[in-house]
Amino acid sequence: TGPGGYGAVYEMTTNGVVSILFSFGGTNGTDPKSRLIIDTDGNFYGVTQSGGTNNTGTVFQLTPSGTLTTLVQFSGPNGASPFGELVQGTDGNFYGTTQSGGTNNLGTVFQMTPSGALATLVSFSGGNGAAPWAGLVEGTEGNFYGTTESGGVSNRGTLFQITTNG
């Protein structure tokens, strides 16, 4: 959980020596639950489930030397509580989901540019799903696929497909 109890990113050498690369402090995010991804420049990207200025989670970039840049502060209307890992699409943008927030407070699918510009592609409404907990997978045709925990016809979740323009 890290020294402050908010979560941390660890690194391990090939000899098994573990050290803290970055420790979260609350305002820059708390509770990083999913794995990190790495871009072509060697930077890491991830999400925190809570914390940030609105306590609704963040998207961050972390350099290999341990410098953190908060790219997105979720606010509720643009999503809240991201949980699943990000995926970098073949278009270079990052895609992810939030468990709650959005127009109906049932979660979102979002797109983020490498510089942190956020676009909400879908706000779940119940009928099309609710509360996505996992990340997305990009298909060979460029569409993304994901699941929701609830919503849909029987309120037992959905499997969905989304294009890069929503």
C-alpha atoms as a PDB file:
ATOM      1  CA  THR A   1       0.000   0.000   0.000  1.00  0.00           C
ATOM      2  CA  GLY A   2       2.971   2.335   0.243  1.00  0.00           C
ATOM      3  CA  PRO A   3       4.255   4.470   3.113  1.00  0.00           C
ATOM      4  CA  GLY A   4       1.220   6.795   3.256  1.00  0.00           C
ATOM      5  CA  GLY A   5      -1.358   4.058   2.826  1.00  0.00           C
ATOM      6  CA  TYR A   6      -2.575   5.487  -0.498  1.00  0.00           C
ATOM      7  CA  GLY A   7      -0.841   3.001  -2.796  1.00  0.00           C
ATOM      8  CA  ALA A   8       2.510   2.817  -4.519  1.00  0.00           C
ATOM      9  CA  VAL A   9       4.274   1.699  -7.668  1.00  0.00           C
ATOM     10  CA  TYR A  10       7.124  -0.696  -7.024  1.00  0.00           C
ATOM     11  CA  GLU A  11      10.041  -1.774  -9.145  1.00  0.00           C
ATOM     12  CA  MET A  12      12.037  -4.965  -8.833  1.00  0.00           C
ATOM     13  CA  THR A  13      15.508  -5.642 -10.166  1.00  0.00           C
ATOM     14  CA  THR A  14      16.417  -8.897 -11.879  1.00  0.00           C
ATOM     15  CA  ASN A  15      18.075  -9.863  -8.573  1.00  0.00           C
ATOM     16  CA  GLY A  16      14.748  -9.557  -6.737  1.00  0.00           C
ATOM     17  CA  VAL A  17      15.435  -6.271  -4.933  1.00  0.00           C
ATOM     18  CA  VAL A  18      12.162  -4.373  -4.522  1.00  0.00           C
ATOM     19  CA  SER A  19      11.950  -0.618  -4.070  1.00  0.00           C
ATOM     20  CA  ILE A  20       9.226   2.010  -4.264  1.00  0.00           C
ATOM     21  CA  LEU A  21       9.265   3.946  -7.545  1.00  0.00           C
ATOM     22  CA  PHE A  22       6.414   6.260  -6.518  1.00  0.00           C
ATOM     23  CA  SER A  23       4.125   6.591  -3.491  1.00  0.00           C
ATOM     24  CA  PHE A  24       0.693   8.197  -3.921  1.00  0.00           C
ATOM     25  CA  GLY A  25      -0.354  10.945  -1.539  1.00  0.00           C
ATOM     26  CA  GLY A  26      -4.102  11.394  -1.956  1.00  0.00           C
ATOM     27  CA  THR A  27      -4.332  14.549  -4.054  1.00  0.00           C
ATOM     28  CA  ASN A  28      -2.496  12.811  -6.903  1.00  0.00           C
ATOM     29  CA  GLY A  29      -4.603   9.663  -6.520  1.00  0.00           C
ATOM     30  CA  THR A  30      -5.170   6.708  -4.214  1.00  0.00           C
ATOM     31  CA  ASP A  31      -5.848   3.003  -4.646  1.00  0.00           C
ATOM     32  CA  PRO A  32      -4.147   2.077  -7.913  1.00  0.00           C
ATOM     33  CA  LYS A  33      -5.764  -1.339  -8.488  1.00  0.00           C
ATOM     34  CA  SER A  34      -4.915  -2.313 -12.067  1.00  0.00           C
ATOM     35  CA  ARG A  35      -1.659  -3.097 -13.778  1.00  0.00           C
ATOM     36  CA  LEU A  36       0.328  -0.396 -15.507  1.00  0.00           C
ATOM     37  CA  ILE A  37       0.850  -0.258 -19.245  1.00  0.00           C
ATOM     38  CA  ILE A  38       3.956   1.031 -20.993  1.00  0.00           C
ATOM     39  CA  ASP A  39       4.069   3.215 -24.089  1.00  0.00           C
ATOM     40  CA  THR A  40       6.655   3.213 -26.864  1.00  0.00           C
ATOM     41  CA  ASP A  41       8.670   5.914 -25.041  1.00  0.00           C
ATOM     42  CA  GLY A  42       9.014   3.712 -21.943  1.00  0.00           C
ATOM     43  CA  ASN A  43       6.604   5.687 -19.752  1.00  0.00           C
ATOM     44  CA  PHE A  44       4.041   3.924 -17.598  1.00  0.00           C
ATOM     45  CA  TYR A  45       0.329   4.779 -17.548  1.00  0.00           C
ATOM     46  CA  GLY A  46      -2.288   3.798 -15.017  1.00  0.00           C
ATOM     47  CA  VAL A  47      -5.367   4.776 -13.064  1.00  0.00           C
ATOM     48  CA  THR A  48      -6.217   5.300  -9.432  1.00  0.00           C
ATOM     49  CA  GLN A  49      -9.656   4.273  -8.258  1.00  0.00           C
ATOM     50  CA  SER A  50     -10.012   7.235  -5.914  1.00  0.00           C
ATOM     51  CA  GLY A  51      -8.126  10.265  -4.735  1.00  0.00           C
ATOM     52  CA  GLY A  52      -7.287  13.269  -6.830  1.00  0.00           C
ATOM     53  CA  THR A  53      -8.840  16.692  -6.386  1.00  0.00           C
ATOM     54  CA  ASN A  54     -12.391  15.293  -6.486  1.00  0.00           C
ATOM     55  CA  ASN A  55     -11.654  11.951  -4.764  1.00  0.00           C
ATOM     56  CA  THR A  56     -13.062  10.187  -7.853  1.00  0.00           C
ATOM     57  CA  GLY A  57      -9.821   8.882  -9.359  1.00  0.00           C
ATOM     58  CA  THR A  58      -7.124   9.867 -11.803  1.00  0.00           C
ATOM     59  CA  VAL A  59      -5.195   8.809 -14.889  1.00  0.00           C
ATOM     60  CA  PHE A  60      -1.436   9.239 -14.540  1.00  0.00           C
ATOM     61  CA  GLN A  61       1.829   8.930 -16.419  1.00  0.00           C
ATOM     62  CA  LEU A  62       4.923   7.755 -14.561  1.00  0.00           C
ATOM     63  CA  THR A  63       8.433   7.975 -15.975  1.00  0.00           C
ATOM     64  CA  PRO A  64      10.904   5.136 -15.344  1.00  0.00           C
ATOM     65  CA  SER A  65      12.742   7.496 -12.966  1.00  0.00           C
ATOM     66  CA  GLY A  66       9.602   7.939 -10.811  1.00  0.00           C
ATOM     67  CA  THR A  67       8.212  11.319 -11.918  1.00  0.00           C
ATOM     68  CA  LEU A  68       4.401  11.274 -11.852  1.00  0.00           C
ATOM     69  CA  THR A  69       2.200  13.502 -14.005  1.00  0.00           C
ATOM     70  CA  THR A  70      -1.529  13.482 -13.335  1.00  0.00           C
ATOM     71  CA  LEU A  71      -3.189  13.618 -16.761  1.00  0.00           C
ATOM     72  CA  VAL A  72      -6.876  13.386 -15.784  1.00  0.00           C
ATOM     73  CA  GLN A  73      -8.773  14.256 -12.617  1.00  0.00           C
ATOM     74  CA  PHE A  74     -12.156  12.558 -12.793  1.00  0.00           C
ATOM     75  CA  SER A  75     -15.017  14.704 -11.527  1.00  0.00           C
ATOM     76  CA  GLY A  76     -18.159  12.545 -11.733  1.00  0.00           C
ATOM     77  CA  PRO A  77     -19.760  13.912 -14.898  1.00  0.00           C
ATOM     78  CA  ASN A  78     -16.704  12.798 -16.902  1.00  0.00           C
ATOM     79  CA  GLY A  79     -16.507   9.482 -15.004  1.00  0.00           C
ATOM     80  CA  ALA A  80     -15.537   8.263 -11.553  1.00  0.00           C
ATOM     81  CA  SER A  81     -13.651   5.344 -10.031  1.00  0.00           C
ATOM     82  CA  PRO A  82     -11.631   3.881 -12.895  1.00  0.00           C
ATOM     83  CA  PHE A  83     -10.678   0.321 -12.018  1.00  0.00           C
ATOM     84  CA  GLY A  84      -9.575  -1.630 -15.096  1.00  0.00           C
ATOM     85  CA  GLU A  85      -6.269  -1.020 -16.801  1.00  0.00           C
ATOM     86  CA  LEU A  86      -5.885   1.325 -19.706  1.00  0.00           C
ATOM     87  CA  VAL A  87      -5.254   0.128 -23.237  1.00  0.00           C
ATOM     88  CA  GLN A  88      -3.346   2.136 -25.828  1.00  0.00           C
ATOM     89  CA  GLY A  89      -5.112   1.861 -29.156  1.00  0.00           C
ATOM     90  CA  THR A  90      -3.430   1.567 -32.514  1.00  0.00           C
ATOM     91  CA  ASP A  91      -4.393   5.234 -32.995  1.00  0.00           C
ATOM     92  CA  GLY A  92      -2.053   6.192 -30.115  1.00  0.00           C
ATOM     93  CA  ASN A  93      -4.845   7.234 -27.736  1.00  0.00           C
ATOM     94  CA  PHE A  94      -5.593   5.553 -24.423  1.00  0.00           C
ATOM     95  CA  TYR A  95      -8.959   3.972 -23.646  1.00  0.00           C
ATOM     96  CA  GLY A  96     -10.498   2.943 -20.348  1.00  0.00           C
ATOM     97  CA  THR A  97     -13.617   2.584 -18.253  1.00  0.00           C
ATOM     98  CA  THR A  98     -14.965   4.043 -15.035  1.00  0.00           C
ATOM     99  CA  GLN A  99     -17.224   2.137 -12.632  1.00  0.00           C
ATOM    100  CA  SER A 100     -19.456   5.112 -11.954  1.00  0.00           C
ATOM    101  CA  GLY A 101     -19.931   8.704 -12.986  1.00  0.00           C
ATOM    102  CA  GLY A 102     -21.043   9.893 -16.382  1.00  0.00           C
ATOM    103  CA  THR A 103     -24.500  11.160 -17.296  1.00  0.00           C
ATOM    104  CA  ASN A 104     -26.343   8.439 -15.347  1.00  0.00           C
ATOM    105  CA  ASN A 105     -23.700   7.678 -12.691  1.00  0.00           C
ATOM    106  CA  LEU A 106     -23.454   4.127 -14.105  1.00  0.00           C
ATOM    107  CA  GLY A 107     -19.955   4.382 -15.553  1.00  0.00           C
ATOM    108  CA  THR A 108     -18.278   5.445 -18.765  1.00  0.00           C
ATOM    109  CA  VAL A 109     -15.939   4.458 -21.563  1.00  0.00           C
ATOM    110  CA  PHE A 110     -13.367   7.182 -22.175  1.00  0.00           C
ATOM    111  CA  GLN A 111     -10.663   8.115 -24.632  1.00  0.00           C
ATOM    112  CA  MET A 112      -7.594  10.077 -23.562  1.00  0.00           C
ATOM    113  CA  THR A 113      -4.897  11.547 -25.761  1.00  0.00           C
ATOM    114  CA  PRO A 114      -1.272  11.075 -24.653  1.00  0.00           C
ATOM    115  CA  SER A 115      -1.307  14.696 -23.434  1.00  0.00           C
ATOM    116  CA  GLY A 116      -4.366  14.054 -21.213  1.00  0.00           C
ATOM    117  CA  ALA A 117      -7.302  15.444 -23.234  1.00  0.00           C
ATOM    118  CA  LEU A 118     -10.301  13.377 -22.128  1.00  0.00           C
ATOM    119  CA  ALA A 119     -13.401  12.513 -24.145  1.00  0.00           C
ATOM    120  CA  THR A 120     -16.312  10.458 -22.815  1.00  0.00           C
ATOM    121  CA  LEU A 121     -17.318   7.994 -25.537  1.00  0.00           C
ATOM    122  CA  VAL A 122     -20.241   6.376 -23.689  1.00  0.00           C
ATOM    123  CA  SER A 123     -22.136   7.023 -20.479  1.00  0.00           C
ATOM    124  CA  PHE A 124     -23.814   3.779 -19.501  1.00  0.00           C
ATOM    125  CA  SER A 125     -27.569   4.007 -18.988  1.00  0.00           C
ATOM    126  CA  GLY A 126     -28.498   0.608 -17.556  1.00  0.00           C
ATOM    127  CA  GLY A 127     -30.033  -0.812 -20.701  1.00  0.00           C
ATOM    128  CA  ASN A 128     -26.656  -0.789 -22.433  1.00  0.00           C
ATOM    129  CA  GLY A 129     -24.848  -1.886 -19.264  1.00  0.00           C
ATOM    130  CA  ALA A 130     -23.685  -0.449 -15.972  1.00  0.00           C
ATOM    131  CA  ALA A 131     -20.577  -0.511 -13.800  1.00  0.00           C
ATOM    132  CA  PRO A 132     -17.732  -1.733 -16.023  1.00  0.00           C
ATOM    133  CA  TRP A 133     -14.972  -3.128 -13.802  1.00  0.00           C
ATOM    134  CA  ALA A 134     -12.508  -4.428 -16.353  1.00  0.00           C
ATOM    135  CA  GLY A 135     -10.415  -2.744 -18.982  1.00  0.00           C
ATOM    136  CA  LEU A 136     -11.023  -2.896 -22.701  1.00  0.00           C
ATOM    137  CA  VAL A 137      -9.531  -5.058 -25.431  1.00  0.00           C
ATOM    138  CA  GLU A 138      -8.874  -3.744 -28.935  1.00  0.00           C
ATOM    139  CA  GLY A 139      -9.968  -5.978 -31.790  1.00  0.00           C
ATOM    140  CA  THR A 140      -8.003  -6.368 -35.009  1.00  0.00           C
ATOM    141  CA  GLU A 141     -10.507  -4.102 -36.798  1.00  0.00           C
ATOM    142  CA  GLY A 142      -9.848  -1.233 -34.344  1.00  0.00           C
ATOM    143  CA  ASN A 143     -13.009  -1.483 -32.230  1.00  0.00           C
ATOM    144  CA  PHE A 144     -12.870  -1.998 -28.471  1.00  0.00           C
ATOM    145  CA  TYR A 145     -14.659  -4.656 -26.448  1.00  0.00           C
ATOM    146  CA  GLY A 146     -15.558  -4.737 -22.772  1.00  0.00           C
ATOM    147  CA  THR A 147     -17.962  -5.984 -20.146  1.00  0.00           C
ATOM    148  CA  THR A 148     -20.176  -4.475 -17.487  1.00  0.00           C
ATOM    149  CA  GLU A 149     -21.017  -5.959 -14.106  1.00  0.00           C
ATOM    150  CA  SER A 150     -24.708  -5.105 -14.272  1.00  0.00           C
ATOM    151  CA  GLY A 151     -27.324  -3.583 -16.551  1.00  0.00           C
ATOM    152  CA  GLY A 152     -28.590  -5.061 -19.783  1.00  0.00           C
ATOM    153  CA  VAL A 153     -31.789  -7.024 -20.347  1.00  0.00           C
ATOM    154  CA  SER A 154     -31.583  -9.135 -17.157  1.00  0.00           C
ATOM    155  CA  ASN A 155     -29.468  -6.679 -15.142  1.00  0.00           C
ATOM    156  CA  ARG A 156     -26.647  -9.244 -15.103  1.00  0.00           C
ATOM    157  CA  GLY A 157     -24.201  -7.306 -17.228  1.00  0.00           C
ATOM    158  CA  THR A 158     -23.331  -6.866 -20.858  1.00  0.00           C
ATOM    159  CA  LEU A 159     -20.628  -7.512 -23.397  1.00  0.00           C
ATOM    160  CA  PHE A 160     -20.209  -4.416 -25.560  1.00  0.00           C
ATOM    161  CA  GLN A 161     -18.376  -3.191 -28.627  1.00  0.00           C
ATOM    162  CA  ILE A 162     -17.453   0.464 -29.131  1.00  0.00           C
ATOM    163  CA  THR A 163     -15.744   2.363 -31.912  1.00  0.00           C
ATOM    164  CA  THR A 164     -13.131   5.056 -31.336  1.00  0.00           C
ATOM    165  CA  ASN A 165     -15.768   7.733 -31.947  1.00  0.00           C
ATOM    166  CA  GLY A 166     -18.293   6.228 -29.521  1.00  0.00           C
END
